[in-house]
N, C-alpha and C. Protein backbone atom coordinates (compact mmCIF):
# COMPACT_ATOMS: atom_id res chain seq x y z
N MET A 1 -12.65 6.12 1.29
CA MET A 1 -12.01 4.95 1.95
C MET A 1 -10.57 5.41 2.31
N THR A 2 -9.96 5.00 3.34
CA THR A 2 -8.66 5.48 3.80
C THR A 2 -7.89 4.09 3.90
N SER A 3 -6.65 4.19 4.06
CA SER A 3 -5.69 3.07 4.31
C SER A 3 -5.69 2.52 5.66
N GLY A 4 -6.34 3.28 6.51
CA GLY A 4 -6.33 2.84 8.01
C GLY A 4 -5.10 3.16 8.74
N VAL A 5 -4.23 3.75 8.19
CA VAL A 5 -2.80 4.22 8.78
C VAL A 5 -3.03 5.65 9.48
N ARG A 6 -2.87 5.67 10.71
CA ARG A 6 -3.04 6.87 11.38
C ARG A 6 -1.71 7.75 11.02
N HIS A 7 -1.87 9.21 10.96
CA HIS A 7 -0.81 10.03 10.65
C HIS A 7 0.53 9.58 11.43
N GLU A 8 0.43 9.39 12.79
CA GLU A 8 1.53 9.31 13.58
C GLU A 8 2.23 7.94 13.33
N GLU A 9 1.50 7.05 12.69
CA GLU A 9 1.97 5.60 12.51
C GLU A 9 2.82 5.56 11.22
N ARG A 10 2.79 6.60 10.23
CA ARG A 10 3.13 6.47 8.98
C ARG A 10 4.77 6.35 8.83
N ARG A 11 5.54 6.69 9.83
CA ARG A 11 6.88 6.63 9.71
C ARG A 11 7.40 5.31 10.11
N ARG A 12 6.72 4.50 10.93
CA ARG A 12 7.23 3.23 11.22
C ARG A 12 6.64 2.14 10.35
N GLY A 13 7.17 1.01 10.26
CA GLY A 13 6.68 -0.09 9.49
C GLY A 13 5.32 -0.67 9.87
N VAL A 14 4.48 -0.66 8.96
CA VAL A 14 3.10 -1.22 9.31
C VAL A 14 2.91 -2.62 8.72
N SER A 15 1.93 -3.50 9.46
CA SER A 15 1.72 -4.76 8.79
C SER A 15 0.81 -4.72 7.67
N ASP A 16 0.72 -5.78 6.92
CA ASP A 16 -0.29 -6.08 5.89
C ASP A 16 -1.65 -5.88 6.26
N ALA A 17 -1.92 -6.32 7.60
CA ALA A 17 -3.21 -6.15 8.30
C ALA A 17 -3.70 -4.92 8.36
N GLU A 18 -2.76 -3.79 8.60
CA GLU A 18 -3.09 -2.48 8.84
C GLU A 18 -3.21 -1.78 7.32
N LEU A 19 -3.18 -2.53 6.26
CA LEU A 19 -3.39 -1.99 5.00
C LEU A 19 -4.35 -2.71 4.09
N PRO A 20 -5.55 -2.84 4.55
CA PRO A 20 -6.45 -3.76 3.98
C PRO A 20 -6.76 -3.34 2.48
N CYS A 21 -6.76 -2.08 2.08
CA CYS A 21 -7.02 -1.62 0.78
C CYS A 21 -5.92 -1.58 -0.21
N ALA A 22 -4.67 -1.97 0.31
CA ALA A 22 -3.59 -1.88 -0.55
C ALA A 22 -3.64 -3.05 -1.71
N ARG A 23 -3.36 -2.41 -2.84
CA ARG A 23 -3.15 -3.33 -4.15
C ARG A 23 -1.66 -3.23 -4.47
N TRP A 24 -0.99 -4.23 -4.11
CA TRP A 24 0.55 -4.26 -4.24
C TRP A 24 0.91 -4.45 -5.80
N ARG A 25 1.82 -3.76 -6.21
CA ARG A 25 2.49 -4.01 -7.63
C ARG A 25 3.84 -4.04 -7.55
N LYS A 26 4.41 -4.89 -8.43
CA LYS A 26 5.81 -5.06 -8.65
C LYS A 26 6.24 -4.67 -10.03
N SER A 27 7.41 -3.99 -10.11
CA SER A 27 7.84 -3.46 -11.56
C SER A 27 7.80 -4.67 -12.46
N SER A 28 7.42 -4.41 -13.65
CA SER A 28 7.60 -5.51 -14.88
C SER A 28 9.06 -5.76 -15.04
N TYR A 29 10.02 -4.86 -14.59
CA TYR A 29 11.36 -4.97 -14.80
C TYR A 29 11.96 -5.92 -13.79
N SER A 30 11.29 -6.34 -12.80
CA SER A 30 11.79 -7.03 -11.73
C SER A 30 11.96 -8.47 -12.10
N GLY A 31 12.96 -9.20 -11.78
CA GLY A 31 13.13 -10.60 -11.98
C GLY A 31 12.65 -11.34 -10.80
N ASN A 32 12.99 -12.68 -10.74
CA ASN A 32 12.53 -13.51 -9.70
C ASN A 32 13.58 -13.84 -8.57
N ASN A 33 14.56 -12.98 -8.59
CA ASN A 33 15.75 -13.13 -7.64
C ASN A 33 15.43 -12.78 -6.23
N GLY A 34 14.19 -12.10 -5.85
CA GLY A 34 13.91 -11.82 -4.57
C GLY A 34 14.42 -10.52 -4.26
N GLY A 35 14.96 -9.79 -5.13
CA GLY A 35 15.51 -8.44 -4.66
C GLY A 35 14.79 -7.28 -5.05
N CYS A 36 13.41 -7.38 -4.97
CA CYS A 36 12.54 -6.46 -5.49
C CYS A 36 11.73 -5.79 -4.36
N VAL A 37 11.09 -4.65 -4.66
CA VAL A 37 10.04 -4.27 -3.75
C VAL A 37 8.72 -4.06 -4.44
N GLU A 38 7.71 -3.94 -3.64
CA GLU A 38 6.39 -3.73 -4.18
C GLU A 38 5.74 -2.45 -3.76
N VAL A 39 5.00 -1.78 -4.44
CA VAL A 39 4.46 -0.63 -4.17
C VAL A 39 2.96 -0.57 -4.21
N ALA A 40 2.31 0.12 -3.20
CA ALA A 40 0.86 0.30 -3.19
C ALA A 40 0.48 1.75 -2.99
N PHE A 41 -0.25 2.25 -3.93
CA PHE A 41 -0.73 3.61 -3.90
C PHE A 41 -2.04 3.67 -3.14
N LEU A 42 -2.15 4.08 -1.93
CA LEU A 42 -3.25 4.01 -1.08
C LEU A 42 -4.19 5.19 -1.43
N PRO A 43 -5.66 4.91 -1.08
CA PRO A 43 -6.70 5.83 -1.46
C PRO A 43 -6.48 7.27 -0.75
N ASP A 44 -5.70 7.43 0.25
CA ASP A 44 -5.66 8.62 1.04
C ASP A 44 -4.40 9.43 0.72
N GLY A 45 -3.78 8.92 -0.50
CA GLY A 45 -2.65 9.71 -1.01
C GLY A 45 -1.32 9.17 -0.53
N LEU A 46 -1.29 8.23 0.31
CA LEU A 46 0.08 7.77 0.89
C LEU A 46 0.45 6.64 -0.05
N VAL A 47 1.75 6.34 -0.11
CA VAL A 47 2.35 5.28 -0.71
C VAL A 47 3.06 4.20 0.21
N ALA A 48 2.77 3.08 0.10
CA ALA A 48 3.32 1.84 0.86
C ALA A 48 4.24 1.28 0.04
N VAL A 49 5.49 0.78 0.65
CA VAL A 49 6.52 0.02 -0.03
C VAL A 49 6.81 -1.08 0.94
N ARG A 50 6.99 -2.33 0.26
CA ARG A 50 7.38 -3.51 1.00
C ARG A 50 8.42 -4.35 0.33
N ASP A 51 9.10 -5.24 0.94
CA ASP A 51 10.02 -6.01 0.44
C ASP A 51 9.36 -7.26 -0.07
N THR A 52 9.54 -7.73 -1.48
CA THR A 52 8.93 -8.86 -1.97
C THR A 52 9.22 -10.09 -1.29
N LYS A 53 10.53 -10.24 -0.74
CA LYS A 53 11.03 -11.51 -0.25
C LYS A 53 10.25 -11.98 1.11
N ASP A 54 9.71 -10.95 1.64
CA ASP A 54 8.92 -11.11 2.90
C ASP A 54 7.56 -11.66 2.67
N HIS A 55 7.12 -11.91 1.53
CA HIS A 55 5.85 -12.49 1.11
C HIS A 55 4.72 -11.88 1.86
N GLY A 56 4.58 -10.54 1.98
CA GLY A 56 3.55 -9.99 2.73
C GLY A 56 3.51 -10.03 4.23
N GLN A 57 4.59 -10.76 4.76
CA GLN A 57 4.67 -10.85 6.26
C GLN A 57 5.57 -9.86 6.89
N GLY A 58 6.36 -9.04 6.19
CA GLY A 58 7.27 -8.04 6.74
C GLY A 58 6.51 -6.73 6.78
N PRO A 59 7.20 -5.71 7.24
CA PRO A 59 6.63 -4.36 7.43
C PRO A 59 6.59 -3.62 6.09
N ALA A 60 5.59 -2.80 5.97
CA ALA A 60 5.54 -1.80 4.89
C ALA A 60 5.96 -0.40 5.40
N LEU A 61 6.71 0.30 4.66
CA LEU A 61 7.05 1.66 4.94
C LEU A 61 6.02 2.51 4.31
N ILE A 62 5.62 3.57 4.93
CA ILE A 62 4.69 4.53 4.47
C ILE A 62 5.22 5.89 4.16
N PHE A 63 4.90 6.41 2.86
CA PHE A 63 5.41 7.58 2.53
C PHE A 63 4.31 8.69 2.04
N LEU A 64 4.47 9.93 2.12
CA LEU A 64 3.61 10.87 1.62
C LEU A 64 3.78 10.91 -0.05
N ALA A 65 2.82 11.30 -0.74
CA ALA A 65 3.03 11.16 -2.24
C ALA A 65 4.18 11.93 -2.62
N HIS A 66 4.26 13.16 -2.13
CA HIS A 66 5.46 14.11 -2.62
C HIS A 66 6.80 13.40 -2.27
N GLU A 67 6.86 12.60 -1.18
CA GLU A 67 8.16 11.99 -0.72
C GLU A 67 8.50 10.93 -1.71
N TRP A 68 7.40 10.20 -2.19
CA TRP A 68 7.70 9.08 -3.14
C TRP A 68 8.08 9.66 -4.52
N GLU A 69 7.35 10.81 -4.85
CA GLU A 69 7.65 11.42 -6.17
C GLU A 69 9.09 11.90 -6.16
N ALA A 70 9.67 12.43 -5.14
CA ALA A 70 10.93 12.85 -5.05
C ALA A 70 11.90 11.77 -5.20
N PHE A 71 11.62 10.69 -4.51
CA PHE A 71 12.47 9.55 -4.59
C PHE A 71 12.59 9.12 -6.02
N VAL A 72 11.42 8.74 -6.69
CA VAL A 72 11.43 8.30 -8.10
C VAL A 72 11.99 9.28 -8.98
N ARG A 73 11.94 10.54 -8.76
CA ARG A 73 12.79 11.57 -9.62
C ARG A 73 14.23 11.46 -9.44
N GLY A 74 14.60 11.26 -8.24
CA GLY A 74 16.08 11.00 -7.92
C GLY A 74 16.64 9.71 -8.66
N VAL A 75 15.78 8.66 -8.56
CA VAL A 75 16.23 7.46 -9.14
C VAL A 75 16.34 7.71 -10.82
N VAL A 76 15.46 8.27 -11.35
CA VAL A 76 15.40 8.63 -12.74
C VAL A 76 16.58 9.52 -13.18
N GLU A 77 16.98 10.60 -12.20
CA GLU A 77 17.97 11.44 -12.66
C GLU A 77 19.40 10.91 -12.15
N GLY A 78 19.47 9.64 -11.65
CA GLY A 78 20.72 9.16 -11.30
C GLY A 78 21.37 9.59 -10.02
N GLU A 79 20.58 10.32 -9.19
CA GLU A 79 20.99 10.91 -8.05
C GLU A 79 21.57 9.77 -7.05
N PHE A 80 21.28 8.55 -7.21
CA PHE A 80 21.76 7.59 -6.28
C PHE A 80 22.99 6.80 -6.86
N GLY A 81 23.53 7.17 -7.87
CA GLY A 81 24.72 6.53 -8.52
C GLY A 81 24.58 5.15 -8.83
N MET A 82 23.21 4.70 -9.31
CA MET A 82 23.09 3.35 -9.62
C MET A 82 23.04 3.03 -11.17
N GLY A 83 23.64 3.89 -11.94
CA GLY A 83 23.55 3.76 -13.22
C GLY A 83 24.70 3.44 -14.01
């Protein structure tokens, strides 16, 4: 099973309809203030990210697994000065 996202589309925002296999997850650390993102790990190794306040109506950004892992590693290591 694949996400249905063609390789050339992965850099633009895709709609929820283009990600029928996505199982969206929000961090348990997230509050209800609307300032959160949801992540879906797609079967073909891509990672989709969307803004929760769009309630599934906004675009999702698509990343390769190694791009997402680099981002998460940067957050954990304080690379973005958010600590």
